[in-house]
Amino acid sequence: MTISINGDDIDFTLEDEKTIGDVLTELKTWLGSTGMLVGGIEIDNRKMAPEERYLFEKPIEEVEQLSIEALSVQENRIRQLKITGDFFALLKDAAEAGNNDALRELESSYRELRTILPRLLGEKPNSSILSELEETPKQESRKLVSSATTMLAVLDKRLKEASDPIGEAKSATMALAQLAKGLDEVAVNLQTGKNKQAMDAIGELCEMLQKFVRCLAWGAGSAGMDAIVEDMNKMLSELEAALISNDTVLIADLLEYEFKPRLMELPSRMEFDLKPTR
């Protein structure tokens, strides 16, 4: 059996492997050690899903050519985001057309997709983005179109982050520094009972900060970047705890004395060279 990865034949010595599934398990482990993933496979020019149980029943002797497509983690995420975007585009079209047969077919796929959405989007399972889609695609048509449109917009943003983490991180850096200038006013609004204005501003801040951290996670390659990611995650955790406990005094202090100075100096800290993860 000949084995190739991304079109190049490799020297793979069979030991105790008896099935194609056994070989794939070894190859996945080896690729994982190099930061790569199995993106797809072909057996004698026939495309197969890498996770199919059938592969663990397929004897090695029955296969002449095993072709592996290897992807970086970043490339795999980009592909997943595009596939998910295609799904929600189909969902939106089916809802707009009132195509109940198509909606029923999409519903079974959505149950599986729903379990991976938090990881794919970098969101917590109970985030507002995901909770809005909890009943998809069982919502009535108008609501379903709205939900699918919302998710398509979110997926487009995540795709930009994964495709150009450095550019998006720099954009987020400048936005955060600008938002930091108004945090004194947000703190005052909290202390004077203007909670609506304050919470809207905090929501915008958290959303941009989460974007920044996601982008940095893709582009980080130096100790300086890792330190910034850790610092920002720590700040977000402290703010989240204060928001959960509804401690407006602590929230105001965090914004004024922790977030503002760190975010104001962020552009200068971002002079590190970001390295793509491809």
C-alpha atoms as a PDB file:
ATOM      1  CA  MET A   1       0.000   0.000   0.000  1.00  0.00           C
ATOM      2  CA  THR A   2       1.278   3.461  -0.942  1.00  0.00           C
ATOM      3  CA  ILE A   3       0.603   6.323   1.475  1.00  0.00           C
ATOM      4  CA  SER A   4       0.820   9.975   0.469  1.00  0.00           C
ATOM      5  CA  ILE A   5       0.324  13.198   2.422  1.00  0.00           C
ATOM      6  CA  ASN A   6      -0.646  16.283   0.438  1.00  0.00           C
ATOM      7  CA  GLY A   7       0.457  14.522  -2.754  1.00  0.00           C
ATOM      8  CA  ASP A   8       3.867  13.373  -1.516  1.00  0.00           C
ATOM      9  CA  ASP A   9       4.524   9.679  -0.897  1.00  0.00           C
ATOM     10  CA  ILE A  10       5.819   8.922   2.590  1.00  0.00           C
ATOM     11  CA  ASP A  11       7.858   6.076   4.006  1.00  0.00           C
ATOM     12  CA  PHE A  12       5.486   4.497   6.528  1.00  0.00           C
ATOM     13  CA  THR A  13       6.538   1.180   8.080  1.00  0.00           C
ATOM     14  CA  LEU A  14       3.637  -1.062   9.015  1.00  0.00           C
ATOM     15  CA  GLU A  15       3.989  -2.739  12.376  1.00  0.00           C
ATOM     16  CA  ASP A  16       0.896  -4.027  14.183  1.00  0.00           C
ATOM     17  CA  GLU A  17      -1.604  -2.101  12.018  1.00  0.00           C
ATOM     18  CA  LYS A  18      -4.133  -4.392  10.391  1.00  0.00           C
ATOM     19  CA  THR A  19      -6.791  -1.990   9.103  1.00  0.00           C
ATOM     20  CA  ILE A  20      -6.874   1.406   7.429  1.00  0.00           C
ATOM     21  CA  GLY A  21      -8.319   2.764  10.671  1.00  0.00           C
ATOM     22  CA  ASP A  22      -5.233   1.564  12.554  1.00  0.00           C
ATOM     23  CA  VAL A  23      -2.965   3.310  10.050  1.00  0.00           C
ATOM     24  CA  LEU A  24      -4.994   6.531  10.285  1.00  0.00           C
ATOM     25  CA  THR A  25      -4.752   6.491  14.089  1.00  0.00           C
ATOM     26  CA  GLU A  26      -0.952   6.372  13.862  1.00  0.00           C
ATOM     27  CA  LEU A  27      -0.841   9.051  11.188  1.00  0.00           C
ATOM     28  CA  LYS A  28      -3.133  11.355  13.173  1.00  0.00           C
ATOM     29  CA  THR A  29      -0.843  11.024  16.197  1.00  0.00           C
ATOM     30  CA  TRP A  30       2.228  11.770  14.092  1.00  0.00           C
ATOM     31  CA  LEU A  31       0.624  14.722  12.326  1.00  0.00           C
ATOM     32  CA  GLY A  32      -0.666  16.057  15.644  1.00  0.00           C
ATOM     33  CA  SER A  33       2.893  16.170  16.969  1.00  0.00           C
ATOM     34  CA  THR A  34       3.751  18.523  14.091  1.00  0.00           C
ATOM     35  CA  GLY A  35       0.709  20.742  14.614  1.00  0.00           C
ATOM     36  CA  MET A  36      -1.253  19.300  11.703  1.00  0.00           C
ATOM     37  CA  LEU A  37      -4.629  17.584  11.368  1.00  0.00           C
ATOM     38  CA  VAL A  38      -6.159  15.089   8.946  1.00  0.00           C
ATOM     39  CA  GLY A  39      -8.454  17.168   6.773  1.00  0.00           C
ATOM     40  CA  GLY A  40      -9.573  14.411   4.416  1.00  0.00           C
ATOM     41  CA  ILE A  41      -8.653  11.019   2.989  1.00  0.00           C
ATOM     42  CA  GLU A  42      -8.987   9.099  -0.240  1.00  0.00           C
ATOM     43  CA  ILE A  43      -8.811   5.321  -0.563  1.00  0.00           C
ATOM     44  CA  ASP A  44      -7.982   4.261  -4.103  1.00  0.00           C
ATOM     45  CA  ASN A  45      -9.217   7.663  -5.358  1.00  0.00           C
ATOM     46  CA  ARG A  46     -12.478   7.419  -3.404  1.00  0.00           C
ATOM     47  CA  LYS A  47     -13.088  10.178  -0.869  1.00  0.00           C
ATOM     48  CA  MET A  48     -13.963   8.987   2.642  1.00  0.00           C
ATOM     49  CA  ALA A  49     -14.724  10.632   5.974  1.00  0.00           C
ATOM     50  CA  PRO A  50     -11.711  10.103   8.306  1.00  0.00           C
ATOM     51  CA  GLU A  51     -13.960   9.131  11.228  1.00  0.00           C
ATOM     52  CA  GLU A  52     -15.975   6.411   9.443  1.00  0.00           C
ATOM     53  CA  ARG A  53     -16.113   3.185  11.471  1.00  0.00           C
ATOM     54  CA  TYR A  54     -15.892   1.251   8.224  1.00  0.00           C
ATOM     55  CA  LEU A  55     -12.208   2.138   8.043  1.00  0.00           C
ATOM     56  CA  PHE A  56     -11.477  -0.011  11.092  1.00  0.00           C
ATOM     57  CA  GLU A  57     -12.956  -2.968   9.239  1.00  0.00           C
ATOM     58  CA  LYS A  58     -11.052  -2.357   5.993  1.00  0.00           C
ATOM     59  CA  PRO A  59      -7.963  -4.636   5.808  1.00  0.00           C
ATOM     60  CA  ILE A  60      -4.761  -2.982   4.662  1.00  0.00           C
ATOM     61  CA  GLU A  61      -4.299  -5.661   2.010  1.00  0.00           C
ATOM     62  CA  GLU A  62      -7.430  -4.468   0.173  1.00  0.00           C
ATOM     63  CA  VAL A  63      -6.066  -0.952  -0.386  1.00  0.00           C
ATOM     64  CA  GLU A  64      -3.472   0.132  -2.946  1.00  0.00           C
ATOM     65  CA  GLN A  65      -3.370   3.886  -2.319  1.00  0.00           C
ATOM     66  CA  LEU A  66      -4.156   5.876   0.832  1.00  0.00           C
ATOM     67  CA  SER A  67      -4.036   9.631   0.249  1.00  0.00           C
ATOM     68  CA  ILE A  68      -4.111  11.999   3.225  1.00  0.00           C
ATOM     69  CA  GLU A  69      -4.878  15.704   3.159  1.00  0.00           C
ATOM     70  CA  ALA A  70      -3.093  17.395   6.060  1.00  0.00           C
ATOM     71  CA  LEU A  71      -4.145  20.825   7.309  1.00  0.00           C
ATOM     72  CA  SER A  72      -2.859  23.178   9.959  1.00  0.00           C
ATOM     73  CA  VAL A  73      -5.202  23.899  12.858  1.00  0.00           C
ATOM     74  CA  GLN A  74      -5.814  27.338  11.375  1.00  0.00           C
ATOM     75  CA  GLU A  75      -6.570  25.978   7.905  1.00  0.00           C
ATOM     76  CA  ASN A  76      -8.937  23.421   9.413  1.00  0.00           C
ATOM     77  CA  ARG A  77     -10.777  26.123  11.368  1.00  0.00           C
ATOM     78  CA  ILE A  78     -11.169  28.211   8.217  1.00  0.00           C
ATOM     79  CA  ARG A  79     -12.629  25.225   6.384  1.00  0.00           C
ATOM     80  CA  GLN A  80     -15.032  24.446   9.250  1.00  0.00           C
ATOM     81  CA  LEU A  81     -16.213  28.042   9.360  1.00  0.00           C
ATOM     82  CA  LYS A  82     -16.882  28.041   5.611  1.00  0.00           C
ATOM     83  CA  ILE A  83     -18.796  24.750   5.793  1.00  0.00           C
ATOM     84  CA  THR A  84     -20.850  26.051   8.709  1.00  0.00           C
ATOM     85  CA  GLY A  85     -21.557  29.242   6.781  1.00  0.00           C
ATOM     86  CA  ASP A  86     -22.818  27.163   3.857  1.00  0.00           C
ATOM     87  CA  PHE A  87     -25.145  25.306   6.245  1.00  0.00           C
ATOM     88  CA  PHE A  88     -26.709  28.492   7.616  1.00  0.00           C
ATOM     89  CA  ALA A  89     -27.052  29.913   4.094  1.00  0.00           C
ATOM     90  CA  LEU A  90     -29.021  26.790   3.132  1.00  0.00           C
ATOM     91  CA  LEU A  91     -31.057  27.104   6.324  1.00  0.00           C
ATOM     92  CA  LYS A  92     -31.908  30.721   5.589  1.00  0.00           C
ATOM     93  CA  ASP A  93     -32.869  29.939   1.991  1.00  0.00           C
ATOM     94  CA  ALA A  94     -35.087  27.023   3.077  1.00  0.00           C
ATOM     95  CA  ALA A  95     -36.821  29.167   5.705  1.00  0.00           C
ATOM     96  CA  GLU A  96     -37.424  32.019   3.269  1.00  0.00           C
ATOM     97  CA  ALA A  97     -38.855  29.582   0.715  1.00  0.00           C
ATOM     98  CA  GLY A  98     -40.959  27.749   3.311  1.00  0.00           C
ATOM     99  CA  ASN A  99     -39.330  24.482   2.229  1.00  0.00           C
ATOM    100  CA  ASN A 100     -40.296  22.197   5.113  1.00  0.00           C
ATOM    101  CA  ASP A 101     -38.709  19.093   3.562  1.00  0.00           C
ATOM    102  CA  ALA A 102     -35.331  20.837   3.375  1.00  0.00           C
ATOM    103  CA  LEU A 103     -35.746  22.162   6.920  1.00  0.00           C
ATOM    104  CA  ARG A 104     -36.363  18.658   8.253  1.00  0.00           C
ATOM    105  CA  GLU A 105     -33.212  17.410   6.562  1.00  0.00           C
ATOM    106  CA  LEU A 106     -31.205  20.311   7.946  1.00  0.00           C
ATOM    107  CA  GLU A 107     -32.567  19.778  11.460  1.00  0.00           C
ATOM    108  CA  SER A 108     -30.772  16.461  11.929  1.00  0.00           C
ATOM    109  CA  SER A 109     -27.492  18.017  10.777  1.00  0.00           C
ATOM    110  CA  TYR A 110     -27.983  20.987  13.079  1.00  0.00           C
ATOM    111  CA  ARG A 111     -28.145  18.829  16.213  1.00  0.00           C
ATOM    112  CA  GLU A 112     -24.596  17.666  15.553  1.00  0.00           C
ATOM    113  CA  LEU A 113     -23.416  21.104  14.495  1.00  0.00           C
ATOM    114  CA  ARG A 114     -24.850  22.706  17.629  1.00  0.00           C
ATOM    115  CA  THR A 115     -22.453  20.706  19.822  1.00  0.00           C
ATOM    116  CA  ILE A 116     -19.355  22.060  18.063  1.00  0.00           C
ATOM    117  CA  LEU A 117     -20.506  25.666  17.609  1.00  0.00           C
ATOM    118  CA  PRO A 118     -19.139  26.930  20.962  1.00  0.00           C
ATOM    119  CA  ARG A 119     -15.632  25.681  20.158  1.00  0.00           C
ATOM    120  CA  LEU A 120     -15.840  26.758  16.529  1.00  0.00           C
ATOM    121  CA  LEU A 121     -16.896  30.298  17.401  1.00  0.00           C
ATOM    122  CA  GLY A 122     -14.777  30.627  20.521  1.00  0.00           C
ATOM    123  CA  GLU A 123     -17.923  31.164  22.595  1.00  0.00           C
ATOM    124  CA  LYS A 124     -19.013  29.727  25.905  1.00  0.00           C
ATOM    125  CA  PRO A 125     -21.917  27.233  25.606  1.00  0.00           C
ATOM    126  CA  ASN A 126     -24.277  29.666  27.383  1.00  0.00           C
ATOM    127  CA  SER A 127     -23.350  32.734  25.318  1.00  0.00           C
ATOM    128  CA  SER A 128     -26.145  34.946  24.006  1.00  0.00           C
ATOM    129  CA  ILE A 129     -25.117  34.166  20.420  1.00  0.00           C
ATOM    130  CA  LEU A 130     -25.621  30.455  20.912  1.00  0.00           C
ATOM    131  CA  SER A 131     -28.635  30.599  23.221  1.00  0.00           C
ATOM    132  CA  GLU A 132     -30.549  32.500  20.531  1.00  0.00           C
ATOM    133  CA  LEU A 133     -30.054  29.510  18.230  1.00  0.00           C
ATOM    134  CA  GLU A 134     -30.957  26.813  20.765  1.00  0.00           C
ATOM    135  CA  GLU A 135     -34.213  25.949  19.000  1.00  0.00           C
ATOM    136  CA  THR A 136     -32.906  26.265  15.449  1.00  0.00           C
ATOM    137  CA  PRO A 137     -34.231  25.077  13.057  1.00  0.00           C
ATOM    138  CA  LYS A 138     -37.551  24.564  14.896  1.00  0.00           C
ATOM    139  CA  GLN A 139     -38.299  28.290  15.050  1.00  0.00           C
ATOM    140  CA  GLU A 140     -41.037  29.799  12.943  1.00  0.00           C
ATOM    141  CA  SER A 141     -39.852  30.985   9.538  1.00  0.00           C
ATOM    142  CA  ARG A 142     -39.428  34.696  10.242  1.00  0.00           C
ATOM    143  CA  LYS A 143     -37.471  34.073  13.429  1.00  0.00           C
ATOM    144  CA  LEU A 144     -35.420  31.374  11.723  1.00  0.00           C
ATOM    145  CA  VAL A 145     -34.408  33.720   8.904  1.00  0.00           C
ATOM    146  CA  SER A 146     -33.370  36.319  11.473  1.00  0.00           C
ATOM    147  CA  SER A 147     -31.372  33.779  13.518  1.00  0.00           C
ATOM    148  CA  ALA A 148     -29.629  32.369  10.439  1.00  0.00           C
ATOM    149  CA  THR A 149     -28.772  35.889   9.256  1.00  0.00           C
ATOM    150  CA  THR A 150     -27.290  36.676  12.664  1.00  0.00           C
ATOM    151  CA  MET A 151     -25.180  33.530  12.624  1.00  0.00           C
ATOM    152  CA  LEU A 152     -23.958  34.201   9.077  1.00  0.00           C
ATOM    153  CA  ALA A 153     -22.712  37.611  10.198  1.00  0.00           C
ATOM    154  CA  VAL A 154     -20.946  36.079  13.224  1.00  0.00           C
ATOM    155  CA  LEU A 155     -19.359  33.370  11.071  1.00  0.00           C
ATOM    156  CA  ASP A 156     -18.130  35.976   8.599  1.00  0.00           C
ATOM    157  CA  LYS A 157     -16.401  37.856  11.436  1.00  0.00           C
ATOM    158  CA  ARG A 158     -14.805  34.674  12.803  1.00  0.00           C
ATOM    159  CA  LEU A 159     -13.642  33.748   9.304  1.00  0.00           C
ATOM    160  CA  LYS A 160     -11.882  37.106   8.974  1.00  0.00           C
ATOM    161  CA  GLU A 161     -10.225  36.542  12.359  1.00  0.00           C
ATOM    162  CA  ALA A 162      -8.974  33.070  11.418  1.00  0.00           C
ATOM    163  CA  SER A 163      -7.887  34.146   7.920  1.00  0.00           C
ATOM    164  CA  ASP A 164      -6.105  37.356   8.941  1.00  0.00           C
ATOM    165  CA  PRO A 165      -5.462  37.200  12.709  1.00  0.00           C
ATOM    166  CA  ILE A 166      -2.660  39.762  12.592  1.00  0.00           C
ATOM    167  CA  GLY A 167      -4.651  42.391  10.723  1.00  0.00           C
ATOM    168  CA  GLU A 168      -7.778  41.813  12.833  1.00  0.00           C
ATOM    169  CA  ALA A 169      -5.732  41.907  16.063  1.00  0.00           C
ATOM    170  CA  LYS A 170      -4.239  45.254  15.088  1.00  0.00           C
ATOM    171  CA  SER A 171      -7.700  46.588  14.261  1.00  0.00           C
ATOM    172  CA  ALA A 172      -9.025  45.383  17.621  1.00  0.00           C
ATOM    173  CA  THR A 173      -6.037  46.938  19.405  1.00  0.00           C
ATOM    174  CA  MET A 174      -6.852  50.407  18.115  1.00  0.00           C
ATOM    175  CA  ALA A 175     -10.558  49.959  18.840  1.00  0.00           C
ATOM    176  CA  LEU A 176      -9.813  48.920  22.432  1.00  0.00           C
ATOM    177  CA  ALA A 177      -7.510  51.881  22.992  1.00  0.00           C
ATOM    178  CA  GLN A 178     -10.292  54.171  21.739  1.00  0.00           C
ATOM    179  CA  LEU A 179     -12.901  52.501  23.955  1.00  0.00           C
ATOM    180  CA  ALA A 180     -10.571  52.864  26.938  1.00  0.00           C
ATOM    181  CA  LYS A 181     -10.826  56.654  26.707  1.00  0.00           C
ATOM    182  CA  GLY A 182     -14.514  56.472  27.661  1.00  0.00           C
ATOM    183  CA  LEU A 183     -14.238  54.047  30.577  1.00  0.00           C
ATOM    184  CA  ASP A 184     -14.197  56.831  33.171  1.00  0.00           C
ATOM    185  CA  GLU A 185     -17.630  57.890  31.928  1.00  0.00           C
ATOM    186  CA  VAL A 186     -18.858  54.290  32.009  1.00  0.00           C
ATOM    187  CA  ALA A 187     -17.757  54.022  35.637  1.00  0.00           C
ATOM    188  CA  VAL A 188     -19.600  57.258  36.466  1.00  0.00           C
ATOM    189  CA  ASN A 189     -22.750  55.983  34.721  1.00  0.00           C
ATOM    190  CA  LEU A 190     -22.658  52.861  36.883  1.00  0.00           C
ATOM    191  CA  GLN A 191     -22.306  54.898  40.046  1.00  0.00           C
ATOM    192  CA  THR A 192     -25.140  57.259  39.091  1.00  0.00           C
ATOM    193  CA  GLY A 193     -27.670  54.604  38.137  1.00  0.00           C
ATOM    194  CA  LYS A 194     -27.342  54.914  34.351  1.00  0.00           C
ATOM    195  CA  ASN A 195     -26.994  51.171  34.060  1.00  0.00           C
ATOM    196  CA  LYS A 196     -28.345  50.827  30.516  1.00  0.00           C
ATOM    197  CA  GLN A 197     -25.716  53.117  29.000  1.00  0.00           C
ATOM    198  CA  ALA A 198     -23.002  51.537  31.121  1.00  0.00           C
ATOM    199  CA  MET A 199     -23.910  47.932  30.268  1.00  0.00           C
ATOM    200  CA  ASP A 200     -24.144  48.699  26.552  1.00  0.00           C
ATOM    201  CA  ALA A 201     -20.616  50.112  26.673  1.00  0.00           C
ATOM    202  CA  ILE A 202     -19.354  47.154  28.713  1.00  0.00           C
ATOM    203  CA  GLY A 203     -20.902  44.745  26.237  1.00  0.00           C
ATOM    204  CA  GLU A 204     -19.108  46.481  23.350  1.00  0.00           C
ATOM    205  CA  LEU A 205     -15.850  46.407  25.310  1.00  0.00           C
ATOM    206  CA  CYS A 206     -16.126  42.695  26.126  1.00  0.00           C
ATOM    207  CA  GLU A 207     -16.982  41.786  22.549  1.00  0.00           C
ATOM    208  CA  MET A 208     -13.946  43.653  21.184  1.00  0.00           C
ATOM    209  CA  LEU A 209     -11.670  42.257  23.895  1.00  0.00           C
ATOM    210  CA  GLN A 210     -12.787  38.696  23.132  1.00  0.00           C
ATOM    211  CA  LYS A 211     -12.106  39.298  19.445  1.00  0.00           C
ATOM    212  CA  PHE A 212      -8.646  40.583  20.310  1.00  0.00           C
ATOM    213  CA  VAL A 213      -7.856  37.495  22.416  1.00  0.00           C
ATOM    214  CA  ARG A 214      -9.121  35.107  19.725  1.00  0.00           C
ATOM    215  CA  CYS A 215      -6.980  36.794  17.066  1.00  0.00           C
ATOM    216  CA  LEU A 216      -3.929  36.812  19.271  1.00  0.00           C
ATOM    217  CA  ALA A 217      -4.383  33.117  19.968  1.00  0.00           C
ATOM    218  CA  TRP A 218      -4.068  32.486  16.213  1.00  0.00           C
ATOM    219  CA  GLY A 219      -1.164  34.842  15.666  1.00  0.00           C
ATOM    220  CA  ALA A 220       0.740  34.498  18.934  1.00  0.00           C
ATOM    221  CA  GLY A 221       4.237  33.140  18.606  1.00  0.00           C
ATOM    222  CA  SER A 222       6.260  34.988  21.212  1.00  0.00           C
ATOM    223  CA  ALA A 223       6.380  35.115  24.983  1.00  0.00           C
ATOM    224  CA  GLY A 224       5.201  38.721  24.764  1.00  0.00           C
ATOM    225  CA  MET A 225       2.006  37.750  22.955  1.00  0.00           C
ATOM    226  CA  ASP A 226       1.321  34.886  25.349  1.00  0.00           C
ATOM    227  CA  ALA A 227       1.673  37.288  28.272  1.00  0.00           C
ATOM    228  CA  ILE A 228      -0.808  39.722  26.716  1.00  0.00           C
ATOM    229  CA  VAL A 229      -3.343  36.927  26.091  1.00  0.00           C
ATOM    230  CA  GLU A 230      -2.999  35.778  29.710  1.00  0.00           C
ATOM    231  CA  ASP A 231      -3.387  39.339  30.992  1.00  0.00           C
ATOM    232  CA  MET A 232      -6.498  40.030  28.924  1.00  0.00           C
ATOM    233  CA  ASN A 233      -8.113  36.713  29.856  1.00  0.00           C
ATOM    234  CA  LYS A 234      -7.492  37.471  33.536  1.00  0.00           C
ATOM    235  CA  MET A 235      -9.140  40.879  33.184  1.00  0.00           C
ATOM    236  CA  LEU A 236     -12.140  39.374  31.402  1.00  0.00           C
ATOM    237  CA  SER A 237     -12.561  36.742  34.125  1.00  0.00           C
ATOM    238  CA  GLU A 238     -12.476  39.374  36.868  1.00  0.00           C
ATOM    239  CA  LEU A 239     -15.033  41.519  35.050  1.00  0.00           C
ATOM    240  CA  GLU A 240     -17.282  38.520  34.404  1.00  0.00           C
ATOM    241  CA  ALA A 241     -17.243  37.610  38.105  1.00  0.00           C
ATOM    242  CA  ALA A 242     -18.123  41.184  39.049  1.00  0.00           C
ATOM    243  CA  LEU A 243     -20.955  41.279  36.508  1.00  0.00           C
ATOM    244  CA  ILE A 244     -22.379  37.978  37.769  1.00  0.00           C
ATOM    245  CA  SER A 245     -22.393  39.262  41.344  1.00  0.00           C
ATOM    246  CA  ASN A 246     -23.802  42.624  40.146  1.00  0.00           C
ATOM    247  CA  ASP A 247     -21.097  44.437  42.122  1.00  0.00           C
ATOM    248  CA  THR A 248     -21.285  47.833  40.406  1.00  0.00           C
ATOM    249  CA  VAL A 249     -18.604  49.346  42.654  1.00  0.00           C
ATOM    250  CA  LEU A 250     -16.119  46.610  41.732  1.00  0.00           C
ATOM    251  CA  ILE A 251     -17.087  46.831  38.048  1.00  0.00           C
ATOM    252  CA  ALA A 252     -16.453  50.588  38.064  1.00  0.00           C
ATOM    253  CA  ASP A 253     -13.086  50.132  39.795  1.00  0.00           C
ATOM    254  CA  LEU A 254     -12.015  47.433  37.350  1.00  0.00           C
ATOM    255  CA  LEU A 255     -12.913  49.578  34.357  1.00  0.00           C
ATOM    256  CA  GLU A 256     -11.234  52.718  35.680  1.00  0.00           C
ATOM    257  CA  TYR A 257      -8.117  51.320  37.340  1.00  0.00           C
ATOM    258  CA  GLU A 258      -7.457  47.991  35.607  1.00  0.00           C
ATOM    259  CA  PHE A 259      -8.912  48.067  32.108  1.00  0.00           C
ATOM    260  CA  LYS A 260      -8.281  51.694  31.164  1.00  0.00           C
ATOM    261  CA  PRO A 261      -4.509  51.877  31.802  1.00  0.00           C
ATOM    262  CA  ARG A 262      -3.846  48.461  30.263  1.00  0.00           C
ATOM    263  CA  LEU A 263      -5.892  49.144  27.154  1.00  0.00           C
ATOM    264  CA  MET A 264      -4.420  52.624  26.698  1.00  0.00           C
ATOM    265  CA  GLU A 265      -0.908  51.152  26.590  1.00  0.00           C
ATOM    266  CA  LEU A 266      -1.959  48.190  24.433  1.00  0.00           C
ATOM    267  CA  PRO A 267      -0.821  49.691  21.072  1.00  0.00           C
ATOM    268  CA  SER A 268       2.730  50.081  22.395  1.00  0.00           C
ATOM    269  CA  ARG A 269       2.712  46.531  23.807  1.00  0.00           C
ATOM    270  CA  MET A 270       1.608  45.261  20.401  1.00  0.00           C
ATOM    271  CA  GLU A 271       4.916  46.228  18.795  1.00  0.00           C
ATOM    272  CA  PHE A 272       5.878  42.528  19.017  1.00  0.00           C
ATOM    273  CA  ASP A 273       6.114  40.726  15.692  1.00  0.00           C
ATOM    274  CA  LEU A 274       3.056  38.516  15.374  1.00  0.00           C
ATOM    275  CA  LYS A 275       3.714  35.261  13.560  1.00  0.00           C
ATOM    276  CA  PRO A 276       0.992  33.466  11.565  1.00  0.00           C
ATOM    277  CA  THR A 277       0.221  29.940  12.773  1.00  0.00           C
ATOM    278  CA  ARG A 278       0.059  28.473   9.262  1.00  0.00           C
END
